[in-house]
C-alpha atoms as a PDB file:
ATOM      1  CA  MET A   1      -7.345 -38.510  17.656  1.00  0.00           C
ATOM      2  CA  GLN A   2      -7.667 -35.122  15.943  1.00  0.00           C
ATOM      3  CA  ILE A   3     -11.374 -35.698  15.190  1.00  0.00           C
ATOM      4  CA  ALA A   4     -11.988 -36.672  18.832  1.00  0.00           C
ATOM      5  CA  GLN A   5     -10.117 -33.554  19.966  1.00  0.00           C
ATOM      6  CA  GLU A   6     -12.172 -31.329  17.621  1.00  0.00           C
ATOM      7  CA  LYS A   7     -15.425 -32.817  18.929  1.00  0.00           C
ATOM      8  CA  GLN A   8     -14.272 -32.207  22.475  1.00  0.00           C
ATOM      9  CA  ARG A   9     -13.411 -28.555  21.733  1.00  0.00           C
ATOM     10  CA  TYR A  10     -16.747 -28.036  19.973  1.00  0.00           C
ATOM     11  CA  ALA A  11     -18.667 -29.514  22.934  1.00  0.00           C
ATOM     12  CA  ALA A  12     -16.670 -27.325  25.334  1.00  0.00           C
ATOM     13  CA  ILE A  13     -17.374 -24.069  23.435  1.00  0.00           C
ATOM     14  CA  GLU A  14     -21.070 -24.980  23.042  1.00  0.00           C
ATOM     15  CA  ALA A  15     -21.338 -25.185  26.828  1.00  0.00           C
ATOM     16  CA  GLN A  16     -19.739 -21.763  27.447  1.00  0.00           C
ATOM     17  CA  ARG A  17     -21.627 -18.616  28.405  1.00  0.00           C
ATOM     18  CA  PHE A  18     -20.360 -15.453  26.704  1.00  0.00           C
ATOM     19  CA  PRO A  19     -20.197 -12.547  29.181  1.00  0.00           C
ATOM     20  CA  LYS A  20     -21.433  -9.184  27.850  1.00  0.00           C
ATOM     21  CA  PRO A  21     -19.330  -6.029  28.220  1.00  0.00           C
ATOM     22  CA  LYS A  22     -20.517  -3.331  30.645  1.00  0.00           C
ATOM     23  CA  GLU A  23     -20.572  -0.782  27.817  1.00  0.00           C
ATOM     24  CA  THR A  24     -20.334  -0.857  24.027  1.00  0.00           C
ATOM     25  CA  ARG A  25     -16.912  -1.890  22.747  1.00  0.00           C
ATOM     26  CA  ILE A  26     -16.086  -0.182  19.436  1.00  0.00           C
ATOM     27  CA  ILE A  27     -13.289  -2.025  17.643  1.00  0.00           C
ATOM     28  CA  ALA A  28     -11.518  -1.527  14.296  1.00  0.00           C
ATOM     29  CA  VAL A  29     -10.056  -4.621  12.661  1.00  0.00           C
ATOM     30  CA  ALA A  30      -7.023  -3.425  10.726  1.00  0.00           C
ATOM     31  CA  ASN A  31      -3.781  -4.480   9.121  1.00  0.00           C
ATOM     32  CA  GLN A  32      -2.372  -2.689   6.084  1.00  0.00           C
ATOM     33  CA  LYS A  33      -0.907  -5.960   4.821  1.00  0.00           C
ATOM     34  CA  GLY A  34      -3.425  -7.788   2.626  1.00  0.00           C
ATOM     35  CA  GLY A  35      -4.264 -11.476   2.968  1.00  0.00           C
ATOM     36  CA  VAL A  36      -3.762 -11.802   6.719  1.00  0.00           C
ATOM     37  CA  GLY A  37      -7.339 -12.885   7.419  1.00  0.00           C
ATOM     38  CA  LYS A  38      -8.506  -9.423   8.463  1.00  0.00           C
ATOM     39  CA  THR A  39     -12.038  -9.487   7.033  1.00  0.00           C
ATOM     40  CA  THR A  40     -12.372 -13.191   7.884  1.00  0.00           C
ATOM     41  CA  THR A  41     -11.510 -12.328  11.483  1.00  0.00           C
ATOM     42  CA  ALA A  42     -13.885  -9.342  11.627  1.00  0.00           C
ATOM     43  CA  VAL A  43     -16.917 -11.271  10.361  1.00  0.00           C
ATOM     44  CA  ASN A  44     -16.279 -14.492  12.268  1.00  0.00           C
ATOM     45  CA  ILE A  45     -15.574 -12.845  15.625  1.00  0.00           C
ATOM     46  CA  ALA A  46     -18.704 -10.728  15.115  1.00  0.00           C
ATOM     47  CA  ALA A  47     -20.763 -13.817  14.194  1.00  0.00           C
ATOM     48  CA  ALA A  48     -19.375 -15.805  17.136  1.00  0.00           C
ATOM     49  CA  LEU A  49     -20.312 -13.025  19.570  1.00  0.00           C
ATOM     50  CA  ALA A  50     -23.794 -12.710  18.009  1.00  0.00           C
ATOM     51  CA  LYS A  51     -24.218 -16.475  18.334  1.00  0.00           C
ATOM     52  CA  GLY A  52     -23.165 -16.068  21.985  1.00  0.00           C
ATOM     53  CA  GLY A  53     -26.102 -13.684  22.532  1.00  0.00           C
ATOM     54  CA  ALA A  54     -24.511 -10.272  21.959  1.00  0.00           C
ATOM     55  CA  ASN A  55     -25.952  -7.438  19.853  1.00  0.00           C
ATOM     56  CA  VAL A  56     -23.327  -6.677  17.229  1.00  0.00           C
ATOM     57  CA  LEU A  57     -22.939  -4.046  14.506  1.00  0.00           C
ATOM     58  CA  VAL A  58     -20.422  -4.565  11.682  1.00  0.00           C
ATOM     59  CA  ILE A  59     -19.418  -1.563   9.569  1.00  0.00           C
ATOM     60  CA  ASP A  60     -17.733  -2.545   6.315  1.00  0.00           C
ATOM     61  CA  MET A  61     -15.218   0.181   5.368  1.00  0.00           C
ATOM     62  CA  ASP A  62     -13.473  -1.815   2.634  1.00  0.00           C
ATOM     63  CA  PRO A  63     -14.496  -0.921  -0.958  1.00  0.00           C
ATOM     64  CA  GLN A  64     -14.133  -4.609  -1.877  1.00  0.00           C
ATOM     65  CA  GLY A  65     -17.126  -5.291   0.382  1.00  0.00           C
ATOM     66  CA  ASN A  66     -15.854  -8.730   1.422  1.00  0.00           C
ATOM     67  CA  ALA A  67     -17.314  -8.449   4.923  1.00  0.00           C
ATOM     68  CA  SER A  68     -20.725  -7.663   3.407  1.00  0.00           C
ATOM     69  CA  THR A  69     -20.424 -10.749   1.151  1.00  0.00           C
ATOM     70  CA  ALA A  70     -19.478 -13.062   4.038  1.00  0.00           C
ATOM     71  CA  LEU A  71     -22.418 -11.808   6.110  1.00  0.00           C
ATOM     72  CA  GLY A  72     -24.886 -12.453   3.281  1.00  0.00           C
ATOM     73  CA  ILE A  73     -25.641  -8.767   2.610  1.00  0.00           C
ATOM     74  CA  GLU A  74     -26.293  -7.376  -0.862  1.00  0.00           C
ATOM     75  CA  HIS A  75     -23.907  -4.568  -1.727  1.00  0.00           C
ATOM     76  CA  ASN A  76     -24.082  -3.786  -5.406  1.00  0.00           C
ATOM     77  CA  SER A  77     -22.842  -0.485  -6.819  1.00  0.00           C
ATOM     78  CA  GLY A  78     -25.494   2.215  -6.497  1.00  0.00           C
ATOM     79  CA  MET A  79     -27.149   0.679  -3.426  1.00  0.00           C
ATOM     80  CA  ASP A  80     -27.226   2.633  -0.156  1.00  0.00           C
ATOM     81  CA  SER A  81     -24.040   1.850   1.725  1.00  0.00           C
ATOM     82  CA  VAL A  82     -21.358   3.201   4.059  1.00  0.00           C
ATOM     83  CA  TYR A  83     -20.302   5.472   1.160  1.00  0.00           C
ATOM     84  CA  ASP A  84     -23.569   7.410   1.513  1.00  0.00           C
ATOM     85  CA  VAL A  85     -23.024   7.645   5.280  1.00  0.00           C
ATOM     86  CA  LEU A  86     -19.547   9.170   4.858  1.00  0.00           C
ATOM     87  CA  GLU A  87     -20.854  11.605   2.249  1.00  0.00           C
ATOM     88  CA  GLY A  88     -23.668  12.643   4.612  1.00  0.00           C
ATOM     89  CA  ARG A  89     -26.547  11.583   2.322  1.00  0.00           C
ATOM     90  CA  ARG A  90     -27.725   8.742   4.593  1.00  0.00           C
ATOM     91  CA  THR A  91     -27.487   7.776   8.243  1.00  0.00           C
ATOM     92  CA  ILE A  92     -26.345   4.393   9.580  1.00  0.00           C
ATOM     93  CA  ALA A  93     -29.983   3.696  10.504  1.00  0.00           C
ATOM     94  CA  ASP A  94     -30.949   4.150   6.817  1.00  0.00           C
ATOM     95  CA  VAL A  95     -28.390   1.754   5.369  1.00  0.00           C
ATOM     96  CA  LYS A  96     -27.945  -1.016   7.936  1.00  0.00           C
ATOM     97  CA  GLN A  97     -29.248  -4.511   7.165  1.00  0.00           C
ATOM     98  CA  VAL A  98     -29.697  -7.603   9.319  1.00  0.00           C
ATOM     99  CA  CYS A  99     -27.442 -10.607   8.719  1.00  0.00           C
ATOM    100  CA  PRO A 100     -29.680 -13.514   7.561  1.00  0.00           C
ATOM    101  CA  ASP A 101     -27.828 -16.055   9.739  1.00  0.00           C
ATOM    102  CA  PHE A 102     -27.770 -14.086  13.010  1.00  0.00           C
ATOM    103  CA  PRO A 103     -30.754 -11.878  13.943  1.00  0.00           C
ATOM    104  CA  THR A 104     -28.693  -9.891  16.501  1.00  0.00           C
ATOM    105  CA  LEU A 105     -26.035  -8.965  13.926  1.00  0.00           C
ATOM    106  CA  ASP A 106     -26.545  -5.726  11.946  1.00  0.00           C
ATOM    107  CA  VAL A 107     -24.355  -4.796   8.982  1.00  0.00           C
ATOM    108  CA  VAL A 108     -23.556  -1.483   7.297  1.00  0.00           C
ATOM    109  CA  PRO A 109     -22.479  -2.687   3.825  1.00  0.00           C
ATOM    110  CA  ALA A 110     -19.763  -1.303   1.551  1.00  0.00           C
ATOM    111  CA  SER A 111     -19.742  -1.323  -2.234  1.00  0.00           C
ATOM    112  CA  ILE A 112     -17.134  -0.520  -4.862  1.00  0.00           C
ATOM    113  CA  ASP A 113     -18.518   3.070  -4.859  1.00  0.00           C
ATOM    114  CA  LEU A 114     -16.532   3.589  -1.657  1.00  0.00           C
ATOM    115  CA  SER A 115     -13.260   3.479  -3.613  1.00  0.00           C
ATOM    116  CA  GLY A 116     -13.934   7.044  -4.800  1.00  0.00           C
ATOM    117  CA  ALA A 117     -14.701   8.328  -1.320  1.00  0.00           C
ATOM    118  CA  GLU A 118     -11.085   8.952  -0.287  1.00  0.00           C
ATOM    119  CA  LEU A 119     -10.692  11.548  -3.062  1.00  0.00           C
ATOM    120  CA  GLU A 120     -14.138  13.046  -2.525  1.00  0.00           C
ATOM    121  CA  ILE A 121     -13.761  13.596   1.219  1.00  0.00           C
ATOM    122  CA  ALA A 122     -10.079  14.640   1.079  1.00  0.00           C
ATOM    123  CA  ASP A 123     -10.964  18.347   1.051  1.00  0.00           C
ATOM    124  CA  SER A 124     -13.591  18.132   3.776  1.00  0.00           C
ATOM    125  CA  PRO A 125     -12.438  20.034   6.909  1.00  0.00           C
ATOM    126  CA  ASN A 126     -13.812  17.256   9.120  1.00  0.00           C
ATOM    127  CA  ARG A 127     -12.523  14.442   6.896  1.00  0.00           C
ATOM    128  CA  ASN A 128     -10.984  12.295   9.674  1.00  0.00           C
ATOM    129  CA  ASN A 129     -14.091  12.245  11.837  1.00  0.00           C
ATOM    130  CA  LEU A 130     -16.908  11.535   9.364  1.00  0.00           C
ATOM    131  CA  MET A 131     -17.405   7.957  10.568  1.00  0.00           C
ATOM    132  CA  ARG A 132     -16.928   8.903  14.229  1.00  0.00           C
ATOM    133  CA  ASP A 133     -19.699  11.508  14.033  1.00  0.00           C
ATOM    134  CA  ALA A 134     -22.085   9.231  12.090  1.00  0.00           C
ATOM    135  CA  LEU A 135     -21.545   6.341  14.509  1.00  0.00           C
ATOM    136  CA  ALA A 136     -21.859   8.488  17.650  1.00  0.00           C
ATOM    137  CA  LYS A 137     -25.119   9.951  16.320  1.00  0.00           C
ATOM    138  CA  TYR A 138     -26.520   6.511  15.497  1.00  0.00           C
ATOM    139  CA  LEU A 139     -25.590   4.960  18.868  1.00  0.00           C
ATOM    140  CA  ALA A 140     -27.103   7.931  20.699  1.00  0.00           C
ATOM    141  CA  GLU A 141     -30.391   7.771  18.776  1.00  0.00           C
ATOM    142  CA  THR A 142     -31.031   4.038  18.352  1.00  0.00           C
ATOM    143  CA  ASP A 143     -33.244   2.103  20.797  1.00  0.00           C
ATOM    144  CA  LYS A 144     -30.949  -0.902  20.436  1.00  0.00           C
ATOM    145  CA  HIS A 145     -27.995  -1.349  22.768  1.00  0.00           C
ATOM    146  CA  TYR A 146     -24.995  -2.810  20.941  1.00  0.00           C
ATOM    147  CA  ASP A 147     -22.458  -4.821  22.926  1.00  0.00           C
ATOM    148  CA  TYR A 148     -19.908  -4.631  20.116  1.00  0.00           C
ATOM    149  CA  VAL A 149     -19.296  -2.523  17.022  1.00  0.00           C
ATOM    150  CA  PHE A 150     -16.675  -3.829  14.569  1.00  0.00           C
ATOM    151  CA  VAL A 151     -15.259  -1.715  11.743  1.00  0.00           C
ATOM    152  CA  ASP A 152     -13.582  -3.757   9.005  1.00  0.00           C
ATOM    153  CA  CYS A 153     -10.822  -1.671   7.397  1.00  0.00           C
ATOM    154  CA  PRO A 154      -9.311  -1.874   3.914  1.00  0.00           C
ATOM    155  CA  PRO A 155      -5.724  -3.204   3.652  1.00  0.00           C
ATOM    156  CA  SER A 156      -4.084   0.231   3.476  1.00  0.00           C
ATOM    157  CA  LEU A 157      -3.224   3.166   5.703  1.00  0.00           C
ATOM    158  CA  GLY A 158      -5.346   5.738   3.858  1.00  0.00           C
ATOM    159  CA  LEU A 159      -8.153   8.091   4.815  1.00  0.00           C
ATOM    160  CA  LEU A 160     -10.759   5.329   5.231  1.00  0.00           C
ATOM    161  CA  VAL A 161      -8.555   3.564   7.807  1.00  0.00           C
ATOM    162  CA  ILE A 162      -7.865   6.835   9.638  1.00  0.00           C
ATOM    163  CA  ASN A 163     -11.638   7.449   9.709  1.00  0.00           C
ATOM    164  CA  ALA A 164     -12.114   4.024  11.243  1.00  0.00           C
ATOM    165  CA  MET A 165      -9.338   4.570  13.810  1.00  0.00           C
ATOM    166  CA  CYS A 166     -10.872   7.904  14.848  1.00  0.00           C
ATOM    167  CA  ALA A 167     -14.323   6.303  15.246  1.00  0.00           C
ATOM    168  CA  VAL A 168     -13.270   3.473  17.577  1.00  0.00           C
ATOM    169  CA  ASN A 169     -11.731   2.982  21.012  1.00  0.00           C
ATOM    170  CA  GLU A 170      -9.925  -0.273  20.306  1.00  0.00           C
ATOM    171  CA  MET A 171      -7.901  -2.006  17.610  1.00  0.00           C
ATOM    172  CA  LEU A 172      -7.943  -5.715  16.833  1.00  0.00           C
ATOM    173  CA  ILE A 173      -4.942  -6.668  14.703  1.00  0.00           C
ATOM    174  CA  PRO A 174      -4.916 -10.046  12.947  1.00  0.00           C
ATOM    175  CA  ILE A 175      -1.372 -11.283  12.257  1.00  0.00           C
ATOM    176  CA  GLN A 176      -0.553 -14.036   9.816  1.00  0.00           C
ATOM    177  CA  ALA A 177       1.863 -16.628  11.169  1.00  0.00           C
ATOM    178  CA  GLU A 178       4.635 -15.591   8.742  1.00  0.00           C
ATOM    179  CA  TYR A 179       7.727 -13.412   9.070  1.00  0.00           C
ATOM    180  CA  TYR A 180       6.551 -10.755   6.607  1.00  0.00           C
ATOM    181  CA  ALA A 181       3.644 -10.125   8.949  1.00  0.00           C
ATOM    182  CA  LEU A 182       6.027  -9.050  11.707  1.00  0.00           C
ATOM    183  CA  GLU A 183       7.626  -6.455   9.408  1.00  0.00           C
ATOM    184  CA  GLY A 184       4.253  -4.922   8.551  1.00  0.00           C
ATOM    185  CA  LEU A 185       3.249  -4.867  12.213  1.00  0.00           C
ATOM    186  CA  GLY A 186       5.874  -2.243  13.089  1.00  0.00           C
ATOM    187  CA  GLN A 187       4.545   0.048  10.364  1.00  0.00           C
ATOM    188  CA  LEU A 188       0.951  -0.385  11.587  1.00  0.00           C
ATOM    189  CA  ILE A 189       1.870   0.294  15.234  1.00  0.00           C
ATOM    190  CA  ASN A 190       3.662   3.438  14.058  1.00  0.00           C
ATOM    191  CA  THR A 191       0.532   4.675  12.222  1.00  0.00           C
ATOM    192  CA  ILE A 192      -1.644   3.907  15.257  1.00  0.00           C
ATOM    193  CA  GLY A 193       0.810   5.977  17.321  1.00  0.00           C
ATOM    194  CA  LEU A 194       0.358   8.943  14.961  1.00  0.00           C
ATOM    195  CA  VAL A 195      -3.448   8.643  15.114  1.00  0.00           C
ATOM    196  CA  GLN A 196      -3.260   8.503  18.935  1.00  0.00           C
ATOM    197  CA  LYS A 197      -1.042  11.579  18.999  1.00  0.00           C
ATOM    198  CA  HIS A 198      -3.009  13.771  16.587  1.00  0.00           C
ATOM    199  CA  PHE A 199      -6.619  12.572  16.416  1.00  0.00           C
ATOM    200  CA  ASN A 200      -7.698   9.954  18.946  1.00  0.00           C
ATOM    201  CA  PRO A 201      -5.674   9.903  22.177  1.00  0.00           C
ATOM    202  CA  THR A 202      -7.834   7.195  23.766  1.00  0.00           C
ATOM    203  CA  LEU A 203      -7.222   4.644  20.975  1.00  0.00           C
ATOM    204  CA  LEU A 204      -5.995   1.347  22.408  1.00  0.00           C
ATOM    205  CA  VAL A 205      -4.509  -1.705  20.706  1.00  0.00           C
ATOM    206  CA  SER A 206      -6.440  -4.188  22.825  1.00  0.00           C
ATOM    207  CA  THR A 207      -6.185  -7.442  20.876  1.00  0.00           C
ATOM    208  CA  MET A 208      -3.901  -9.307  18.493  1.00  0.00           C
ATOM    209  CA  LEU A 209      -4.887 -12.614  16.941  1.00  0.00           C
ATOM    210  CA  VAL A 210      -2.547 -14.969  15.109  1.00  0.00           C
ATOM    211  CA  THR A 211      -4.271 -16.331  11.976  1.00  0.00           C
ATOM    212  CA  MET A 212      -3.420 -18.996   9.356  1.00  0.00           C
ATOM    213  CA  TYR A 213      -1.530 -20.869  12.051  1.00  0.00           C
ATOM    214  CA  ASP A 214      -0.120 -24.285  11.203  1.00  0.00           C
ATOM    215  CA  ARG A 215       0.948 -26.008  14.400  1.00  0.00           C
ATOM    216  CA  ARG A 216       2.956 -28.583  12.421  1.00  0.00           C
ATOM    217  CA  THR A 217       5.463 -25.975  11.269  1.00  0.00           C
ATOM    218  CA  LEU A 218       8.239 -24.497  13.335  1.00  0.00           C
ATOM    219  CA  LEU A 219       7.739 -21.147  11.556  1.00  0.00           C
ATOM    220  CA  SER A 220       4.169 -20.730  12.836  1.00  0.00           C
ATOM    221  CA  ARG A 221       5.216 -21.535  16.383  1.00  0.00           C
ATOM    222  CA  GLU A 222       8.177 -19.140  16.201  1.00  0.00           C
ATOM    223  CA  VAL A 223       6.068 -16.253  14.859  1.00  0.00           C
ATOM    224  CA  TYR A 224       3.470 -16.847  17.567  1.00  0.00           C
ATOM    225  CA  SER A 225       6.030 -16.863  20.375  1.00  0.00           C
ATOM    226  CA  GLU A 226       7.765 -13.774  18.932  1.00  0.00           C
ATOM    227  CA  VAL A 227       4.498 -11.790  18.867  1.00  0.00           C
ATOM    228  CA  LYS A 228       3.520 -13.138  22.301  1.00  0.00           C
ATOM    229  CA  ASN A 229       6.888 -12.045  23.747  1.00  0.00           C
ATOM    230  CA  HIS A 230       6.511  -8.521  22.371  1.00  0.00           C
ATOM    231  CA  TYR A 231       2.844  -8.064  23.325  1.00  0.00           C
ATOM    232  CA  PRO A 232       2.160 -10.570  26.130  1.00  0.00           C
ATOM    233  CA  SER A 233      -1.001  -8.949  27.471  1.00  0.00           C
ATOM    234  CA  ILE A 234      -2.850  -8.428  24.173  1.00  0.00           C
ATOM    235  CA  VAL A 235      -2.105 -11.506  22.043  1.00  0.00           C
ATOM    236  CA  LEU A 236      -4.937 -14.020  22.379  1.00  0.00           C
ATOM    237  CA  ASP A 237      -3.998 -17.549  23.475  1.00  0.00           C
ATOM    238  CA  THR A 238      -6.290 -18.893  20.744  1.00  0.00           C
ATOM    239  CA  THR A 239      -4.811 -19.174  17.250  1.00  0.00           C
ATOM    240  CA  ILE A 240      -6.811 -19.538  14.039  1.00  0.00           C
ATOM    241  CA  PRO A 241      -5.798 -22.546  11.929  1.00  0.00           C
ATOM    242  CA  ARG A 242      -5.436 -22.481   8.157  1.00  0.00           C
ATOM    243  CA  THR A 243      -8.474 -24.524   7.055  1.00  0.00           C
ATOM    244  CA  VAL A 244     -10.452 -25.034   3.854  1.00  0.00           C
ATOM    245  CA  LYS A 245     -13.810 -24.406   5.564  1.00  0.00           C
ATOM    246  CA  ILE A 246     -12.820 -20.851   6.575  1.00  0.00           C
ATOM    247  CA  SER A 247     -11.858 -19.999   2.965  1.00  0.00           C
ATOM    248  CA  GLU A 248     -14.889 -21.775   1.509  1.00  0.00           C
ATOM    249  CA  ALA A 249     -17.611 -20.140   3.642  1.00  0.00           C
ATOM    250  CA  PRO A 250     -17.701 -16.660   1.955  1.00  0.00           C
ATOM    251  CA  SER A 251     -18.448 -18.223  -1.451  1.00  0.00           C
ATOM    252  CA  PHE A 252     -21.772 -19.305   0.117  1.00  0.00           C
ATOM    253  CA  GLY A 253     -22.342 -15.801   1.516  1.00  0.00           C
ATOM    254  CA  GLN A 254     -21.717 -17.058   5.043  1.00  0.00           C
ATOM    255  CA  THR A 255     -19.280 -16.921   7.922  1.00  0.00           C
ATOM    256  CA  VAL A 256     -17.659 -20.214   8.897  1.00  0.00           C
ATOM    257  CA  ILE A 257     -19.703 -20.037  12.137  1.00  0.00           C
ATOM    258  CA  ALA A 258     -22.917 -20.386  10.073  1.00  0.00           C
ATOM    259  CA  TYR A 259     -21.471 -22.492   7.255  1.00  0.00           C
ATOM    260  CA  ASP A 260     -20.034 -25.332   9.348  1.00  0.00           C
ATOM    261  CA  LYS A 261     -20.468 -24.647  13.041  1.00  0.00           C
ATOM    262  CA  ALA A 262     -18.674 -27.811  14.201  1.00  0.00           C
ATOM    263  CA  SER A 263     -15.572 -27.272  12.019  1.00  0.00           C
ATOM    264  CA  MET A 264     -12.169 -26.596  13.496  1.00  0.00           C
ATOM    265  CA  GLY A 265     -12.159 -23.031  12.075  1.00  0.00           C
ATOM    266  CA  ALA A 266     -15.565 -22.160  13.545  1.00  0.00           C
ATOM    267  CA  THR A 267     -14.581 -23.533  16.945  1.00  0.00           C
ATOM    268  CA  ALA A 268     -11.302 -21.570  16.909  1.00  0.00           C
ATOM    269  CA  TYR A 269     -13.070 -18.284  16.076  1.00  0.00           C
ATOM    270  CA  ARG A 270     -15.638 -18.907  18.804  1.00  0.00           C
ATOM    271  CA  GLU A 271     -12.840 -19.587  21.307  1.00  0.00           C
ATOM    272  CA  ALA A 272     -11.114 -16.351  20.255  1.00  0.00           C
ATOM    273  CA  ALA A 273     -14.413 -14.432  20.604  1.00  0.00           C
ATOM    274  CA  LEU A 274     -14.952 -15.904  24.083  1.00  0.00           C
ATOM    275  CA  GLU A 275     -11.447 -14.858  25.090  1.00  0.00           C
ATOM    276  CA  MET A 276     -12.167 -11.315  23.851  1.00  0.00           C
ATOM    277  CA  ALA A 277     -15.485 -11.243  25.707  1.00  0.00           C
ATOM    278  CA  ARG A 278     -13.775 -12.315  28.927  1.00  0.00           C
ATOM    279  CA  ARG A 279     -11.205  -9.540  28.558  1.00  0.00           C
ATOM    280  CA  SER A 280     -13.848  -6.814  28.153  1.00  0.00           C
ATOM    281  CA  ASP A 281     -13.482  -5.408  31.676  1.00  0.00           C
ATOM    282  CA  GLN A 282      -9.717  -5.155  31.253  1.00  0.00           C
ATOM    283  CA  ALA A 283     -10.039  -3.352  27.885  1.00  0.00           C
ATOM    284  CA  LEU A 284     -12.751  -0.940  29.055  1.00  0.00           C
ATOM    285  CA  GLU A 285     -10.727  -0.142  32.176  1.00  0.00           C
ATOM    286  CA  ALA A 286      -7.617   0.647  30.085  1.00  0.00           C
ATOM    287  CA  ILE A 287      -9.695   2.992  27.871  1.00  0.00           C
ATOM    288  CA  ALA A 288     -11.165   4.693  30.957  1.00  0.00           C
ATOM    289  CA  ILE A 289      -7.648   5.271  32.313  1.00  0.00           C
ATOM    290  CA  LYS A 290      -6.572   6.796  28.967  1.00  0.00           C
ATOM    291  CA  ARG A 291      -9.600   9.075  29.032  1.00  0.00           C
ATOM    292  CA  GLY A 292      -8.725  10.189  32.535  1.00  0.00           C
ATOM    293  CA  GLU A 293      -5.223  11.117  31.445  1.00  0.00           C
ATOM    294  CA  HIS A 294      -6.358  13.414  28.641  1.00  0.00           C
END
């Protein structure tokens, strides 16, 4: 029955048309708690949207470079990367690479060199806006229109994350279906509030996605309903299951969308991406209202 259901869901998502947003949506994927499926969510949502016909840019801001690995991008120490962009030696146009699996998906890679950046840029007077300025310059100068820009953040609340939050308009928060995740969420919302107050008043938490969901357990269902009750308008109806294929894909330098497109994990991420695409008007409108207020 489960196999039949999976096939049905796969056929249904294959038949869907992904609407494009009216203007570029710039989204940071963040959660200071590690292991919640943050990078997995960033790369798979980006890949699902690219597969749906959108032009997507992924900026890897995590020194571990896991997003770069999953998108099949080389990111060895010493290579041009997002580190050089933050330090002002290179532009995004210089360092971006195309994902081998999706021709409409561009990637700005990160390498371990980025781990030193927080200390190096700490004294810069413009330290919170380095990524914002680099991204704004690139989007203004490039001939390519991007429908989505995703910034994958490290699992912390340091300077790199603040840079990402100042560069974007929206936040996508992946939440693991466990109680610890709810504790960390309060802390993250608090930090976002501080960034909104001091640096980026138009920042909007537009999307939350429950990951590693096991529908057989009461705990997963309780965490989902708790988050849904608190944030009814921003939690996606789609949940991401805990599956082997999702964890396996990065070891092949691929997203699960490319690695096994008919798997349950790939279908779930594509459904989540479709839901996000359909909510674009709502998100862009909310950002426009915030801009009008300030």
